[in-house]
Amino acid sequence: MRLEIFNRSDCPSVNKGKITTIIKRVLREEKYALPRLNVVIERDNYLRKLNKMFFRKDRPTNVISFNMDEVSEIYISCDKVKYPEDLYYYIVHGLLHIIGYHHRDKKGEKEMRKKCLHYISNA
């Protein structure tokens, strides 16, 4: 897998090595392969534009992910990151969406939260 991490927001809590380790752990344990993954850290206004354009929601959000055949992308709002663990949580959350997990109900929400916390533990 080719992984690229873009910090377009100058977010101070970006540790590319740790992000890479977490992503590889998720993919290994979930038995999921991606040819290419881009992680893009932006500001609220950019995620608001994406949210409006693709999901018809005119508000910022913490994470948006896209699973496209050859390239998957995860967009994170640096403005939503208060602690480094928040960034890792959002990245795992976005990656789980790419893999196929969703939180349309309380059960799915609980499962995703549990998985996110598992994957960022000991990271």
PDB file of N, CA and C in Angstrom:
ATOM      1  N   MET A   1       0.844  -1.181   0.000  1.00  0.00           N
ATOM      2  CA  MET A   1       0.000   0.000   0.000  1.00  0.00           C
ATOM      3  C   MET A   1       0.888   1.242   0.000  1.00  0.00           C
ATOM      4  N   ARG A   2       0.480   2.181  -0.765  1.00  0.00           N
ATOM      5  CA  ARG A   2       1.162   3.472  -0.773  1.00  0.00           C
ATOM      6  C   ARG A   2       0.362   4.415   0.124  1.00  0.00           C
ATOM      7  N   LEU A   3       1.021   4.974   1.133  1.00  0.00           N
ATOM      8  CA  LEU A   3       0.378   5.879   2.081  1.00  0.00           C
ATOM      9  C   LEU A   3       1.037   7.245   2.014  1.00  0.00           C
ATOM     10  N   GLU A   4       0.213   8.268   1.866  1.00  0.00           N
ATOM     11  CA  GLU A   4       0.726   9.643   1.899  1.00  0.00           C
ATOM     12  C   GLU A   4      -0.089  10.434   2.912  1.00  0.00           C
ATOM     13  N   ILE A   5       0.609  11.241   3.684  1.00  0.00           N
ATOM     14  CA  ILE A   5      -0.025  12.053   4.720  1.00  0.00           C
ATOM     15  C   ILE A   5       0.283  13.507   4.419  1.00  0.00           C
ATOM     16  N   PHE A   6      -0.775  14.305   4.262  1.00  0.00           N
ATOM     17  CA  PHE A   6      -0.638  15.719   3.933  1.00  0.00           C
ATOM     18  C   PHE A   6      -1.192  16.553   5.079  1.00  0.00           C
ATOM     19  N   ASN A   7      -0.349  17.367   5.670  1.00  0.00           N
ATOM     20  CA  ASN A   7      -0.782  18.258   6.748  1.00  0.00           C
ATOM     21  C   ASN A   7      -0.915  19.658   6.157  1.00  0.00           C
ATOM     22  N   ARG A   8      -2.058  19.945   5.590  1.00  0.00           N
ATOM     23  CA  ARG A   8      -2.288  21.238   4.944  1.00  0.00           C
ATOM     24  C   ARG A   8      -2.732  22.319   5.921  1.00  0.00           C
ATOM     25  N   SER A   9      -2.818  21.968   7.196  1.00  0.00           N
ATOM     26  CA  SER A   9      -3.329  22.905   8.190  1.00  0.00           C
ATOM     27  C   SER A   9      -2.279  23.315   9.206  1.00  0.00           C
ATOM     28  N   ASP A  10      -1.081  22.775   9.092  1.00  0.00           N
ATOM     29  CA  ASP A  10      -0.032  22.989  10.085  1.00  0.00           C
ATOM     30  C   ASP A  10      -0.473  22.514  11.465  1.00  0.00           C
ATOM     31  N   CYS A  11      -1.252  21.462  11.489  1.00  0.00           N
ATOM     32  CA  CYS A  11      -1.720  20.861  12.737  1.00  0.00           C
ATOM     33  C   CYS A  11      -0.495  20.353  13.502  1.00  0.00           C
ATOM     34  N   PRO A  12      -0.305  20.793  14.731  1.00  0.00           N
ATOM     35  CA  PRO A  12       0.918  20.442  15.462  1.00  0.00           C
ATOM     36  C   PRO A  12       1.000  18.989  15.927  1.00  0.00           C
ATOM     37  N   SER A  13      -0.109  18.281  15.998  1.00  0.00           N
ATOM     38  CA  SER A  13      -0.093  16.933  16.583  1.00  0.00           C
ATOM     39  C   SER A  13       0.077  15.821  15.551  1.00  0.00           C
ATOM     40  N   VAL A  14       0.612  16.154  14.378  1.00  0.00           N
ATOM     41  CA  VAL A  14       0.762  15.154  13.324  1.00  0.00           C
ATOM     42  C   VAL A  14       2.100  14.432  13.475  1.00  0.00           C
ATOM     43  N   ASN A  15       2.012  13.153  13.827  1.00  0.00           N
ATOM     44  CA  ASN A  15       3.185  12.291  13.929  1.00  0.00           C
ATOM     45  C   ASN A  15       3.017  11.234  12.838  1.00  0.00           C
ATOM     46  N   LYS A  16       3.667  11.455  11.695  1.00  0.00           N
ATOM     47  CA  LYS A  16       3.462  10.582  10.540  1.00  0.00           C
ATOM     48  C   LYS A  16       3.834   9.131  10.817  1.00  0.00           C
ATOM     49  N   GLY A  17       4.857   8.909  11.616  1.00  0.00           N
ATOM     50  CA  GLY A  17       5.247   7.542  11.950  1.00  0.00           C
ATOM     51  C   GLY A  17       4.171   6.819  12.730  1.00  0.00           C
ATOM     52  N   LYS A  18       3.605   7.508  13.700  1.00  0.00           N
ATOM     53  CA  LYS A  18       2.547   6.920  14.523  1.00  0.00           C
ATOM     54  C   LYS A  18       1.282   6.682  13.693  1.00  0.00           C
ATOM     55  N   ILE A  19       0.963   7.624  12.824  1.00  0.00           N
ATOM     56  CA  ILE A  19      -0.202   7.467  11.946  1.00  0.00           C
ATOM     57  C   ILE A  19      -0.017   6.244  11.060  1.00  0.00           C
ATOM     58  N   THR A  20       1.158   6.104  10.479  1.00  0.00           N
ATOM     59  CA  THR A  20       1.457   4.961   9.612  1.00  0.00           C
ATOM     60  C   THR A  20       1.314   3.653  10.375  1.00  0.00           C
ATOM     61  N   THR A  21       1.850   3.594  11.587  1.00  0.00           N
ATOM     62  CA  THR A  21       1.765   2.390  12.413  1.00  0.00           C
ATOM     63  C   THR A  21       0.318   2.023  12.702  1.00  0.00           C
ATOM     64  N   ILE A  22      -0.484   3.014  13.062  1.00  0.00           N
ATOM     65  CA  ILE A  22      -1.895   2.760  13.380  1.00  0.00           C
ATOM     66  C   ILE A  22      -2.645   2.256  12.151  1.00  0.00           C
ATOM     67  N   ILE A  23      -2.440   2.904  11.019  1.00  0.00           N
ATOM     68  CA  ILE A  23      -3.132   2.502   9.786  1.00  0.00           C
ATOM     69  C   ILE A  23      -2.760   1.074   9.402  1.00  0.00           C
ATOM     70  N   LYS A  24      -1.482   0.749   9.473  1.00  0.00           N
ATOM     71  CA  LYS A  24      -1.049  -0.614   9.126  1.00  0.00           C
ATOM     72  C   LYS A  24      -1.647  -1.643  10.094  1.00  0.00           C
ATOM     73  N   ARG A  25      -1.769  -1.279  11.358  1.00  0.00           N
ATOM     74  CA  ARG A  25      -2.364  -2.186  12.344  1.00  0.00           C
ATOM     75  C   ARG A  25      -3.829  -2.464  12.017  1.00  0.00           C
ATOM     76  N   VAL A  26      -4.564  -1.399  11.710  1.00  0.00           N
ATOM     77  CA  VAL A  26      -5.986  -1.568  11.375  1.00  0.00           C
ATOM     78  C   VAL A  26      -6.135  -2.468  10.157  1.00  0.00           C
ATOM     79  N   LEU A  27      -5.393  -2.175   9.106  1.00  0.00           N
ATOM     80  CA  LEU A  27      -5.520  -2.955   7.877  1.00  0.00           C
ATOM     81  C   LEU A  27      -5.115  -4.414   8.096  1.00  0.00           C
ATOM     82  N   ARG A  28      -4.079  -4.641   8.867  1.00  0.00           N
ATOM     83  CA  ARG A  28      -3.626  -6.008   9.149  1.00  0.00           C
ATOM     84  C   ARG A  28      -4.687  -6.770   9.948  1.00  0.00           C
ATOM     85  N   GLU A  29      -5.168  -6.173  11.031  1.00  0.00           N
ATOM     86  CA  GLU A  29      -6.133  -6.876  11.891  1.00  0.00           C
ATOM     87  C   GLU A  29      -7.500  -7.031  11.232  1.00  0.00           C
ATOM     88  N   GLU A  30      -7.861  -6.098  10.370  1.00  0.00           N
ATOM     89  CA  GLU A  30      -9.145  -6.190   9.659  1.00  0.00           C
ATOM     90  C   GLU A  30      -9.024  -7.020   8.381  1.00  0.00           C
ATOM     91  N   LYS A  31      -7.785  -7.426   8.059  1.00  0.00           N
ATOM     92  CA  LYS A  31      -7.523  -8.208   6.843  1.00  0.00           C
ATOM     93  C   LYS A  31      -8.066  -7.488   5.607  1.00  0.00           C
ATOM     94  N   TYR A  32      -7.644  -6.241   5.480  1.00  0.00           N
ATOM     95  CA  TYR A  32      -8.135  -5.404   4.385  1.00  0.00           C
ATOM     96  C   TYR A  32      -6.939  -4.774   3.681  1.00  0.00           C
ATOM     97  N   ALA A  33      -6.971  -4.748   2.363  1.00  0.00           N
ATOM     98  CA  ALA A  33      -5.865  -4.179   1.591  1.00  0.00           C
ATOM     99  C   ALA A  33      -6.341  -2.965   0.799  1.00  0.00           C
ATOM    100  N   LEU A  34      -5.495  -1.965   0.770  1.00  0.00           N
ATOM    101  CA  LEU A  34      -5.744  -0.767  -0.038  1.00  0.00           C
ATOM    102  C   LEU A  34      -4.533  -0.541  -0.929  1.00  0.00           C
ATOM    103  N   PRO A  35      -4.767  -0.228  -2.213  1.00  0.00           N
ATOM    104  CA  PRO A  35      -3.613   0.066  -3.062  1.00  0.00           C
ATOM    105  C   PRO A  35      -2.946   1.394  -2.677  1.00  0.00           C
ATOM    106  N   ARG A  36      -3.774   2.367  -2.323  1.00  0.00           N
ATOM    107  CA  ARG A  36      -3.241   3.688  -1.992  1.00  0.00           C
ATOM    108  C   ARG A  36      -4.194   4.396  -1.035  1.00  0.00           C
ATOM    109  N   LEU A  37      -3.605   5.058  -0.034  1.00  0.00           N
ATOM    110  CA  LEU A  37      -4.403   5.821   0.922  1.00  0.00           C
ATOM    111  C   LEU A  37      -3.751   7.175   1.138  1.00  0.00           C
ATOM    112  N   ASN A  38      -4.545   8.215   1.001  1.00  0.00           N
ATOM    113  CA  ASN A  38      -4.109   9.573   1.318  1.00  0.00           C
ATOM    114  C   ASN A  38      -4.835  10.021   2.580  1.00  0.00           C
ATOM    115  N   VAL A  39      -4.074  10.539   3.532  1.00  0.00           N
ATOM    116  CA  VAL A  39      -4.646  11.145   4.726  1.00  0.00           C
ATOM    117  C   VAL A  39      -4.364  12.633   4.616  1.00  0.00           C
ATOM    118  N   VAL A  40      -5.427  13.431   4.631  1.00  0.00           N
ATOM    119  CA  VAL A  40      -5.298  14.873   4.433  1.00  0.00           C
ATOM    120  C   VAL A  40      -5.842  15.585   5.663  1.00  0.00           C
ATOM    121  N   ILE A  41      -4.991  16.388   6.293  1.00  0.00           N
ATOM    122  CA  ILE A  41      -5.401  17.141   7.473  1.00  0.00           C
ATOM    123  C   ILE A  41      -5.604  18.581   7.036  1.00  0.00           C
ATOM    124  N   GLU A  42      -6.815  19.054   7.183  1.00  0.00           N
ATOM    125  CA  GLU A  42      -7.238  20.370   6.705  1.00  0.00           C
ATOM    126  C   GLU A  42      -7.892  21.151   7.836  1.00  0.00           C
ATOM    127  N   ARG A  43      -8.542  22.219   7.481  1.00  0.00           N
ATOM    128  CA  ARG A  43      -9.286  23.060   8.425  1.00  0.00           C
ATOM    129  C   ARG A  43     -10.782  22.839   8.232  1.00  0.00           C
ATOM    130  N   ASP A  44     -11.561  23.317   9.202  1.00  0.00           N
ATOM    131  CA  ASP A  44     -13.021  23.172   9.175  1.00  0.00           C
ATOM    132  C   ASP A  44     -13.639  23.652   7.865  1.00  0.00           C
ATOM    133  N   ASN A  45     -13.176  24.787   7.364  1.00  0.00           N
ATOM    134  CA  ASN A  45     -13.816  25.344   6.168  1.00  0.00           C
ATOM    135  C   ASN A  45     -13.688  24.402   4.967  1.00  0.00           C
ATOM    136  N   TYR A  46     -12.577  23.677   4.865  1.00  0.00           N
ATOM    137  CA  TYR A  46     -12.405  22.747   3.755  1.00  0.00           C
ATOM    138  C   TYR A  46     -13.324  21.536   3.920  1.00  0.00           C
ATOM    139  N   LEU A  47     -13.393  21.000   5.145  1.00  0.00           N
ATOM    140  CA  LEU A  47     -14.284  19.859   5.376  1.00  0.00           C
ATOM    141  C   LEU A  47     -15.749  20.266   5.227  1.00  0.00           C
ATOM    142  N   ARG A  48     -16.049  21.497   5.551  1.00  0.00           N
ATOM    143  CA  ARG A  48     -17.415  21.995   5.349  1.00  0.00           C
ATOM    144  C   ARG A  48     -17.766  21.965   3.856  1.00  0.00           C
ATOM    145  N   LYS A  49     -16.828  22.392   3.014  1.00  0.00           N
ATOM    146  CA  LYS A  49     -17.058  22.368   1.559  1.00  0.00           C
ATOM    147  C   LYS A  49     -17.267  20.942   1.059  1.00  0.00           C
ATOM    148  N   LEU A  50     -16.416  20.020   1.527  1.00  0.00           N
ATOM    149  CA  LEU A  50     -16.576  18.618   1.125  1.00  0.00           C
ATOM    150  C   LEU A  50     -17.908  18.058   1.604  1.00  0.00           C
ATOM    151  N   ASN A  51     -18.262  18.352   2.842  1.00  0.00           N
ATOM    152  CA  ASN A  51     -19.504  17.860   3.424  1.00  0.00           C
ATOM    153  C   ASN A  51     -20.714  18.372   2.642  1.00  0.00           C
ATOM    154  N   LYS A  52     -20.663  19.614   2.242  1.00  0.00           N
ATOM    155  CA  LYS A  52     -21.760  20.208   1.469  1.00  0.00           C
ATOM    156  C   LYS A  52     -21.816  19.609   0.061  1.00  0.00           C
ATOM    157  N   MET A  53     -20.648  19.483  -0.562  1.00  0.00           N
ATOM    158  CA  MET A  53     -20.580  19.005  -1.944  1.00  0.00           C
ATOM    159  C   MET A  53     -21.014  17.542  -2.072  1.00  0.00           C
ATOM    160  N   PHE A  54     -20.569  16.689  -1.151  1.00  0.00           N
ATOM    161  CA  PHE A  54     -20.808  15.255  -1.295  1.00  0.00           C
ATOM    162  C   PHE A  54     -21.949  14.706  -0.446  1.00  0.00           C
ATOM    163  N   PHE A  55     -22.280  15.406   0.646  1.00  0.00           N
ATOM    164  CA  PHE A  55     -23.289  14.870   1.561  1.00  0.00           C
ATOM    165  C   PHE A  55     -24.445  15.831   1.819  1.00  0.00           C
ATOM    166  N   ARG A  56     -24.425  16.992   1.152  1.00  0.00           N
ATOM    167  CA  ARG A  56     -25.481  18.005   1.262  1.00  0.00           C
ATOM    168  C   ARG A  56     -25.699  18.479   2.699  1.00  0.00           C
ATOM    169  N   LYS A  57     -24.615  18.541   3.464  1.00  0.00           N
ATOM    170  CA  LYS A  57     -24.671  19.040   4.833  1.00  0.00           C
ATOM    171  C   LYS A  57     -23.768  20.267   4.909  1.00  0.00           C
ATOM    172  N   ASP A  58     -24.359  21.411   5.167  1.00  0.00           N
ATOM    173  CA  ASP A  58     -23.614  22.671   5.164  1.00  0.00           C
ATOM    174  C   ASP A  58     -23.055  22.968   6.554  1.00  0.00           C
ATOM    175  N   ARG A  59     -22.122  22.107   6.979  1.00  0.00           N
ATOM    176  CA  ARG A  59     -21.466  22.297   8.270  1.00  0.00           C
ATOM    177  C   ARG A  59     -20.146  21.524   8.251  1.00  0.00           C
ATOM    178  N   PRO A  60     -19.209  21.962   9.056  1.00  0.00           N
ATOM    179  CA  PRO A  60     -17.953  21.211   9.140  1.00  0.00           C
ATOM    180  C   PRO A  60     -18.167  19.901   9.889  1.00  0.00           C
ATOM    181  N   THR A  61     -17.250  18.996   9.730  1.00  0.00           N
ATOM    182  CA  THR A  61     -17.292  17.716  10.420  1.00  0.00           C
ATOM    183  C   THR A  61     -15.867  17.319  10.779  1.00  0.00           C
ATOM    184  N   ASN A  62     -15.710  16.321  11.621  1.00  0.00           N
ATOM    185  CA  ASN A  62     -14.364  15.945  12.052  1.00  0.00           C
ATOM    186  C   ASN A  62     -13.622  15.084  11.039  1.00  0.00           C
ATOM    187  N   VAL A  63     -14.342  14.211  10.321  1.00  0.00           N
ATOM    188  CA  VAL A  63     -13.692  13.310   9.365  1.00  0.00           C
ATOM    189  C   VAL A  63     -14.636  12.986   8.207  1.00  0.00           C
ATOM    190  N   ILE A  64     -14.062  12.919   7.022  1.00  0.00           N
ATOM    191  CA  ILE A  64     -14.779  12.466   5.824  1.00  0.00           C
ATOM    192  C   ILE A  64     -13.843  11.504   5.116  1.00  0.00           C
ATOM    193  N   SER A  65     -14.384  10.370   4.680  1.00  0.00           N
ATOM    194  CA  SER A  65     -13.544   9.426   3.945  1.00  0.00           C
ATOM    195  C   SER A  65     -14.221   9.004   2.652  1.00  0.00           C
ATOM    196  N   PHE A  66     -13.376   8.679   1.689  1.00  0.00           N
ATOM    197  CA  PHE A  66     -13.836   8.242   0.380  1.00  0.00           C
ATOM    198  C   PHE A  66     -13.102   6.962   0.010  1.00  0.00           C
ATOM    199  N   ASN A  67     -13.835   5.969  -0.445  1.00  0.00           N
ATOM    200  CA  ASN A  67     -13.242   4.730  -0.916  1.00  0.00           C
ATOM    201  C   ASN A  67     -13.421   4.673  -2.425  1.00  0.00           C
ATOM    202  N   MET A  68     -12.373   5.026  -3.118  1.00  0.00           N
ATOM    203  CA  MET A  68     -12.391   4.990  -4.576  1.00  0.00           C
ATOM    204  C   MET A  68     -11.498   3.827  -4.991  1.00  0.00           C
ATOM    205  N   ASP A  69     -11.741   3.249  -6.122  1.00  0.00           N
ATOM    206  CA  ASP A  69     -11.058   2.013  -6.500  1.00  0.00           C
ATOM    207  C   ASP A  69      -9.556   2.014  -6.244  1.00  0.00           C
ATOM    208  N   GLU A  70      -8.836   2.904  -6.846  1.00  0.00           N
ATOM    209  CA  GLU A  70      -7.375   2.892  -6.737  1.00  0.00           C
ATOM    210  C   GLU A  70      -6.835   3.752  -5.604  1.00  0.00           C
ATOM    211  N   VAL A  71      -7.578   4.768  -5.211  1.00  0.00           N
ATOM    212  CA  VAL A  71      -7.116   5.686  -4.162  1.00  0.00           C
ATOM    213  C   VAL A  71      -8.243   5.925  -3.179  1.00  0.00           C
ATOM    214  N   SER A  72      -7.951   5.708  -1.908  1.00  0.00           N
ATOM    215  CA  SER A  72      -8.900   6.052  -0.855  1.00  0.00           C
ATOM    216  C   SER A  72      -8.349   7.263  -0.124  1.00  0.00           C
ATOM    217  N   GLU A  73      -9.252   8.078   0.417  1.00  0.00           N
ATOM    218  CA  GLU A  73      -8.812   9.296   1.090  1.00  0.00           C
ATOM    219  C   GLU A  73      -9.575   9.499   2.388  1.00  0.00           C
ATOM    220  N   ILE A  74      -8.835  10.009   3.372  1.00  0.00           N
ATOM    221  CA  ILE A  74      -9.420  10.382   4.653  1.00  0.00           C
ATOM    222  C   ILE A  74      -9.074  11.840   4.891  1.00  0.00           C
ATOM    223  N   TYR A  75     -10.097  12.661   5.123  1.00  0.00           N
ATOM    224  CA  TYR A  75      -9.904  14.082   5.418  1.00  0.00           C
ATOM    225  C   TYR A  75     -10.257  14.311   6.884  1.00  0.00           C
ATOM    226  N   ILE A  76      -9.357  14.960   7.603  1.00  0.00           N
ATOM    227  CA  ILE A  76      -9.542  15.243   9.025  1.00  0.00           C
ATOM    228  C   ILE A  76      -9.502  16.748   9.230  1.00  0.00           C
ATOM    229  N   SER A  77     -10.387  17.263  10.080  1.00  0.00           N
ATOM    230  CA  SER A  77     -10.344  18.675  10.439  1.00  0.00           C
ATOM    231  C   SER A  77      -9.419  18.867  11.632  1.00  0.00           C
ATOM    232  N   CYS A  78      -8.339  19.589  11.424  1.00  0.00           N
ATOM    233  CA  CYS A  78      -7.411  19.900  12.515  1.00  0.00           C
ATOM    234  C   CYS A  78      -8.117  20.719  13.594  1.00  0.00           C
ATOM    235  N   ASP A  79      -9.120  21.502  13.196  1.00  0.00           N
ATOM    236  CA  ASP A  79      -9.850  22.331  14.158  1.00  0.00           C
ATOM    237  C   ASP A  79     -10.618  21.493  15.183  1.00  0.00           C
ATOM    238  N   LYS A  80     -10.886  20.238  14.856  1.00  0.00           N
ATOM    239  CA  LYS A  80     -11.599  19.345  15.775  1.00  0.00           C
ATOM    240  C   LYS A  80     -10.640  18.555  16.672  1.00  0.00           C
ATOM    241  N   VAL A  81      -9.343  18.672  16.423  1.00  0.00           N
ATOM    242  CA  VAL A  81      -8.340  17.901  17.160  1.00  0.00           C
ATOM    243  C   VAL A  81      -7.847  18.714  18.353  1.00  0.00           C
ATOM    244  N   LYS A  82      -8.220  18.262  19.539  1.00  0.00           N
ATOM    245  CA  LYS A  82      -7.758  18.933  20.760  1.00  0.00           C
ATOM    246  C   LYS A  82      -6.517  18.251  21.321  1.00  0.00           C
ATOM    247  N   TYR A  83      -6.431  16.928  21.136  1.00  0.00           N
ATOM    248  CA  TYR A  83      -5.321  16.118  21.626  1.00  0.00           C
ATOM    249  C   TYR A  83      -4.859  15.213  20.490  1.00  0.00           C
ATOM    250  N   PRO A  84      -3.589  14.791  20.499  1.00  0.00           N
ATOM    251  CA  PRO A  84      -3.120  13.886  19.436  1.00  0.00           C
ATOM    252  C   PRO A  84      -3.999  12.647  19.280  1.00  0.00           C
ATOM    253  N   GLU A  85      -4.523  12.116  20.390  1.00  0.00           N
ATOM    254  CA  GLU A  85      -5.370  10.921  20.327  1.00  0.00           C
ATOM    255  C   GLU A  85      -6.628  11.166  19.491  1.00  0.00           C
ATOM    256  N   ASP A  86      -7.120  12.417  19.492  1.00  0.00           N
ATOM    257  CA  ASP A  86      -8.286  12.758  18.666  1.00  0.00           C
ATOM    258  C   ASP A  86      -7.973  12.527  17.194  1.00  0.00           C
ATOM    259  N   LEU A  87      -6.795  12.970  16.781  1.00  0.00           N
ATOM    260  CA  LEU A  87      -6.386  12.809  15.385  1.00  0.00           C
ATOM    261  C   LEU A  87      -6.350  11.329  15.018  1.00  0.00           C
ATOM    262  N   TYR A  88      -5.737  10.516  15.864  1.00  0.00           N
ATOM    263  CA  TYR A  88      -5.639   9.083  15.591  1.00  0.00           C
ATOM    264  C   TYR A  88      -7.022   8.439  15.571  1.00  0.00           C
ATOM    265  N   TYR A  89      -7.884   8.854  16.491  1.00  0.00           N
ATOM    266  CA  TYR A  89      -9.248   8.329  16.540  1.00  0.00           C
ATOM    267  C   TYR A  89      -9.978   8.634  15.231  1.00  0.00           C
ATOM    268  N   TYR A  90      -9.900   9.874  14.768  1.00  0.00           N
ATOM    269  CA  TYR A  90     -10.594  10.263  13.536  1.00  0.00           C
ATOM    270  C   TYR A  90     -10.043   9.519  12.320  1.00  0.00           C
ATOM    271  N   ILE A  91      -8.730   9.317  12.286  1.00  0.00           N
ATOM    272  CA  ILE A  91      -8.138   8.571  11.176  1.00  0.00           C
ATOM    273  C   ILE A  91      -8.659   7.139  11.174  1.00  0.00           C
ATOM    274  N   VAL A  92      -8.668   6.491  12.327  1.00  0.00           N
ATOM    275  CA  VAL A  92      -9.185   5.119  12.411  1.00  0.00           C
ATOM    276  C   VAL A  92     -10.660   5.092  12.052  1.00  0.00           C
ATOM    277  N   HIS A  93     -11.416   6.065  12.529  1.00  0.00           N
ATOM    278  CA  HIS A  93     -12.846   6.142  12.223  1.00  0.00           C
ATOM    279  C   HIS A  93     -13.057   6.216  10.699  1.00  0.00           C
ATOM    280  N   GLY A  94     -12.322   7.102  10.047  1.00  0.00           N
ATOM    281  CA  GLY A  94     -12.434   7.228   8.594  1.00  0.00           C
ATOM    282  C   GLY A  94     -12.015   5.959   7.874  1.00  0.00           C
ATOM    283  N   LEU A  95     -10.961   5.323   8.358  1.00  0.00           N
ATOM    284  CA  LEU A  95     -10.486   4.081   7.747  1.00  0.00           C
ATOM    285  C   LEU A  95     -11.510   2.962   7.918  1.00  0.00           C
ATOM    286  N   LEU A  96     -12.149   2.897   9.064  1.00  0.00           N
ATOM    287  CA  LEU A  96     -13.194   1.886   9.270  1.00  0.00           C
ATOM    288  C   LEU A  96     -14.363   2.098   8.308  1.00  0.00           C
ATOM    289  N   HIS A  97     -14.689   3.353   8.002  1.00  0.00           N
ATOM    290  CA  HIS A  97     -15.731   3.615   6.992  1.00  0.00           C
ATOM    291  C   HIS A  97     -15.294   3.074   5.638  1.00  0.00           C
ATOM    292  N   ILE A  98     -14.037   3.300   5.279  1.00  0.00           N
ATOM    293  CA  ILE A  98     -13.527   2.799   4.001  1.00  0.00           C
ATOM    294  C   ILE A  98     -13.623   1.277   3.950  1.00  0.00           C
ATOM    295  N   ILE A  99     -13.320   0.632   5.064  1.00  0.00           N
ATOM    296  CA  ILE A  99     -13.361  -0.830   5.140  1.00  0.00           C
ATOM    297  C   ILE A  99     -14.794  -1.343   5.048  1.00  0.00           C
ATOM    298  N   GLY A 100     -15.768  -0.526   5.474  1.00  0.00           N
ATOM    299  CA  GLY A 100     -17.167  -0.936   5.349  1.00  0.00           C
ATOM    300  C   GLY A 100     -17.991  -0.830   6.615  1.00  0.00           C
ATOM    301  N   TYR A 101     -17.415  -0.333   7.682  1.00  0.00           N
ATOM    302  CA  TYR A 101     -18.167  -0.144   8.927  1.00  0.00           C
ATOM    303  C   TYR A 101     -18.972   1.158   8.863  1.00  0.00           C
ATOM    304  N   HIS A 102     -20.126   1.146   9.525  1.00  0.00           N
ATOM    305  CA  HIS A 102     -20.978   2.338   9.564  1.00  0.00           C
ATOM    306  C   HIS A 102     -21.609   2.451  10.946  1.00  0.00           C
ATOM    307  N   HIS A 103     -22.149   3.620  11.227  1.00  0.00           N
ATOM    308  CA  HIS A 103     -22.787   3.841  12.522  1.00  0.00           C
ATOM    309  C   HIS A 103     -24.162   4.457  12.313  1.00  0.00           C
ATOM    310  N   ARG A 104     -24.988   3.714  11.608  1.00  0.00           N
ATOM    311  CA  ARG A 104     -26.347   4.182  11.312  1.00  0.00           C
ATOM    312  C   ARG A 104     -27.299   3.968  12.485  1.00  0.00           C
ATOM    313  N   ASP A 105     -26.877   3.140  13.440  1.00  0.00           N
ATOM    314  CA  ASP A 105     -27.702   2.887  14.622  1.00  0.00           C
ATOM    315  C   ASP A 105     -26.783   2.807  15.846  1.00  0.00           C
ATOM    316  N   LYS A 106     -27.375   2.660  17.018  1.00  0.00           N
ATOM    317  CA  LYS A 106     -26.597   2.622  18.264  1.00  0.00           C
ATOM    318  C   LYS A 106     -25.610   1.450  18.284  1.00  0.00           C
ATOM    319  N   LYS A 107     -26.013   0.297  17.749  1.00  0.00           N
ATOM    320  CA  LYS A 107     -25.143  -0.873  17.737  1.00  0.00           C
ATOM    321  C   LYS A 107     -23.902  -0.610  16.877  1.00  0.00           C
ATOM    322  N   GLY A 108     -24.106  -0.058  15.688  1.00  0.00           N
ATOM    323  CA  GLY A 108     -22.985   0.255  14.805  1.00  0.00           C
ATOM    324  C   GLY A 108     -22.086   1.334  15.389  1.00  0.00           C
ATOM    325  N   GLU A 109     -22.697   2.309  16.031  1.00  0.00           N
ATOM    326  CA  GLU A 109     -21.943   3.387  16.674  1.00  0.00           C
ATOM    327  C   GLU A 109     -21.063   2.828  17.795  1.00  0.00           C
ATOM    328  N   LYS A 110     -21.631   1.938  18.591  1.00  0.00           N
ATOM    329  CA  LYS A 110     -20.891   1.338  19.704  1.00  0.00           C
ATOM    330  C   LYS A 110     -19.740   0.477  19.186  1.00  0.00           C
ATOM    331  N   GLU A 111     -19.991  -0.293  18.126  1.00  0.00           N
ATOM    332  CA  GLU A 111     -18.955  -1.144  17.549  1.00  0.00           C
ATOM    333  C   GLU A 111     -17.803  -0.311  16.986  1.00  0.00           C
ATOM    334  N   MET A 112     -18.132   0.762  16.274  1.00  0.00           N
ATOM    335  CA  MET A 112     -17.072   1.600  15.705  1.00  0.00           C
ATOM    336  C   MET A 112     -16.257   2.277  16.796  1.00  0.00           C
ATOM    337  N   ARG A 113     -16.924   2.763  17.821  1.00  0.00           N
ATOM    338  CA  ARG A 113     -16.206   3.408  18.924  1.00  0.00           C
ATOM    339  C   ARG A 113     -15.255   2.420  19.600  1.00  0.00           C
ATOM    340  N   LYS A 114     -15.744   1.215  19.828  1.00  0.00           N
ATOM    341  CA  LYS A 114     -14.919   0.179  20.464  1.00  0.00           C
ATOM    342  C   LYS A 114     -13.693  -0.132  19.600  1.00  0.00           C
ATOM    343  N   LYS A 115     -13.896  -0.275  18.302  1.00  0.00           N
ATOM    344  CA  LYS A 115     -12.784  -0.568  17.399  1.00  0.00           C
ATOM    345  C   LYS A 115     -11.792   0.603  17.349  1.00  0.00           C
ATOM    346  N   CYS A 116     -12.297   1.820  17.280  1.00  0.00           N
ATOM    347  CA  CYS A 116     -11.412   2.989  17.251  1.00  0.00           C
ATOM    348  C   CYS A 116     -10.541   3.029  18.499  1.00  0.00           C
ATOM    349  N   LEU A 117     -11.137   2.840  19.645  1.00  0.00           N
ATOM    350  CA  LEU A 117     -10.384   2.875  20.905  1.00  0.00           C
ATOM    351  C   LEU A 117      -9.378   1.722  20.964  1.00  0.00           C
ATOM    352  N   HIS A 118      -9.759   0.575  20.458  1.00  0.00           N
ATOM    353  CA  HIS A 118      -8.839  -0.572  20.420  1.00  0.00           C
ATOM    354  C   HIS A 118      -7.608  -0.241  19.570  1.00  0.00           C
ATOM    355  N   TYR A 119      -7.836   0.305  18.397  1.00  0.00           N
ATOM    356  CA  TYR A 119      -6.725   0.536  17.467  1.00  0.00           C
ATOM    357  C   TYR A 119      -5.807   1.673  17.887  1.00  0.00           C
ATOM    358  N   ILE A 120      -6.318   2.643  18.631  1.00  0.00           N
ATOM    359  CA  ILE A 120      -5.417   3.723  19.059  1.00  0.00           C
ATOM    360  C   ILE A 120      -4.755   3.413  20.395  1.00  0.00           C
ATOM    361  N   SER A 121      -5.197   2.349  21.064  1.00  0.00           N
ATOM    362  CA  SER A 121      -4.556   1.967  22.328  1.00  0.00           C
ATOM    363  C   SER A 121      -3.167   1.407  22.021  1.00  0.00           C
ATOM    364  N   ASN A 122      -2.250   1.719  22.877  1.00  0.00           N
ATOM    365  CA  ASN A 122      -0.859   1.250  22.743  1.00  0.00           C
ATOM    366  C   ASN A 122      -0.216   1.680  21.432  1.00  0.00           C
ATOM    367  N   ALA A 123      -0.706   2.733  20.860  1.00  0.00           N
ATOM    368  CA  ALA A 123      -0.139   3.196  19.578  1.00  0.00           C
ATOM    369  C   ALA A 123       1.043   4.119  19.806  1.00  0.00           C
TER     370      ALA A 123
END
